[in-house]
């Protein structure tokens, strides 16, 4: 098990297939990749990039 982003629980709740990506547990897809592609093209999508940096507030 790798590090988890702040959105990890939301990814799991949404049915994501989780894989290791550079030591982080990241979503690969949420079921049908074709359906996911069409949903993003016709609506909107969000990409979790919180594993890429540390933000101090």
Protein backbone atom coordinates (compact mmCIF):
# COMPACT_ATOMS: atom_id res chain seq x y z
CA UNK A 1 0.00 0.00 0.00
CA UNK A 2 1.31 3.39 -0.97
CA UNK A 3 0.61 6.90 0.16
CA UNK A 4 -2.94 8.16 -0.20
CA UNK A 5 -4.15 11.52 -1.47
CA UNK A 6 -6.79 13.51 0.43
CA UNK A 7 -9.33 12.27 -2.17
CA UNK A 8 -8.50 8.56 -1.77
CA UNK A 9 -11.73 7.68 0.09
CA UNK A 10 -13.82 9.49 -2.54
CA UNK A 11 -12.07 7.56 -5.32
CA UNK A 12 -12.80 4.25 -3.59
CA UNK A 13 -16.42 5.26 -2.88
CA UNK A 14 -16.86 6.12 -6.56
CA UNK A 15 -15.71 2.63 -7.54
CA UNK A 16 -12.20 3.42 -8.76
CA UNK A 17 -9.73 0.69 -9.61
CA UNK A 18 -6.75 1.71 -7.46
CA UNK A 19 -3.16 1.06 -8.65
CA UNK A 20 0.32 2.02 -7.46
CA UNK A 21 1.65 5.10 -9.24
CA UNK A 22 5.10 6.15 -8.03
CA UNK A 23 4.37 5.03 -4.48
CA UNK A 24 0.87 6.53 -4.39
CA UNK A 25 -2.45 4.65 -4.44
CA UNK A 26 -4.14 6.31 -7.41
CA UNK A 27 -7.32 5.65 -9.41
CA UNK A 28 -6.79 4.08 -12.83
CA UNK A 29 -10.42 4.13 -13.95
CA UNK A 30 -13.98 3.92 -12.65
CA UNK A 31 -15.41 0.97 -14.57
CA UNK A 32 -15.89 1.26 -18.32
CA UNK A 33 -13.13 3.47 -19.70
CA UNK A 34 -15.26 4.16 -22.77
CA UNK A 35 -18.21 5.37 -20.64
CA UNK A 36 -15.83 7.43 -18.48
CA UNK A 37 -14.37 9.06 -21.62
CA UNK A 38 -17.83 9.98 -22.94
CA UNK A 39 -18.93 11.33 -19.54
CA UNK A 40 -15.90 13.64 -19.37
CA UNK A 41 -16.36 14.76 -22.99
CA UNK A 42 -20.04 15.59 -22.51
CA UNK A 43 -19.85 16.94 -18.94
CA UNK A 44 -16.65 17.60 -16.98
CA UNK A 45 -13.85 15.72 -15.26
CA UNK A 46 -11.51 16.23 -12.34
CA UNK A 47 -7.97 14.85 -12.17
CA UNK A 48 -6.49 14.35 -8.71
CA UNK A 49 -2.95 15.80 -8.90
CA UNK A 50 -2.49 16.17 -5.15
CA UNK A 51 0.23 13.49 -5.26
CA UNK A 52 2.44 15.82 -7.32
CA UNK A 53 3.28 18.44 -4.71
CA UNK A 54 2.97 19.52 -1.10
CA UNK A 55 0.94 22.63 -0.38
CA UNK A 56 1.39 24.43 2.92
CA UNK A 57 -1.52 26.64 3.91
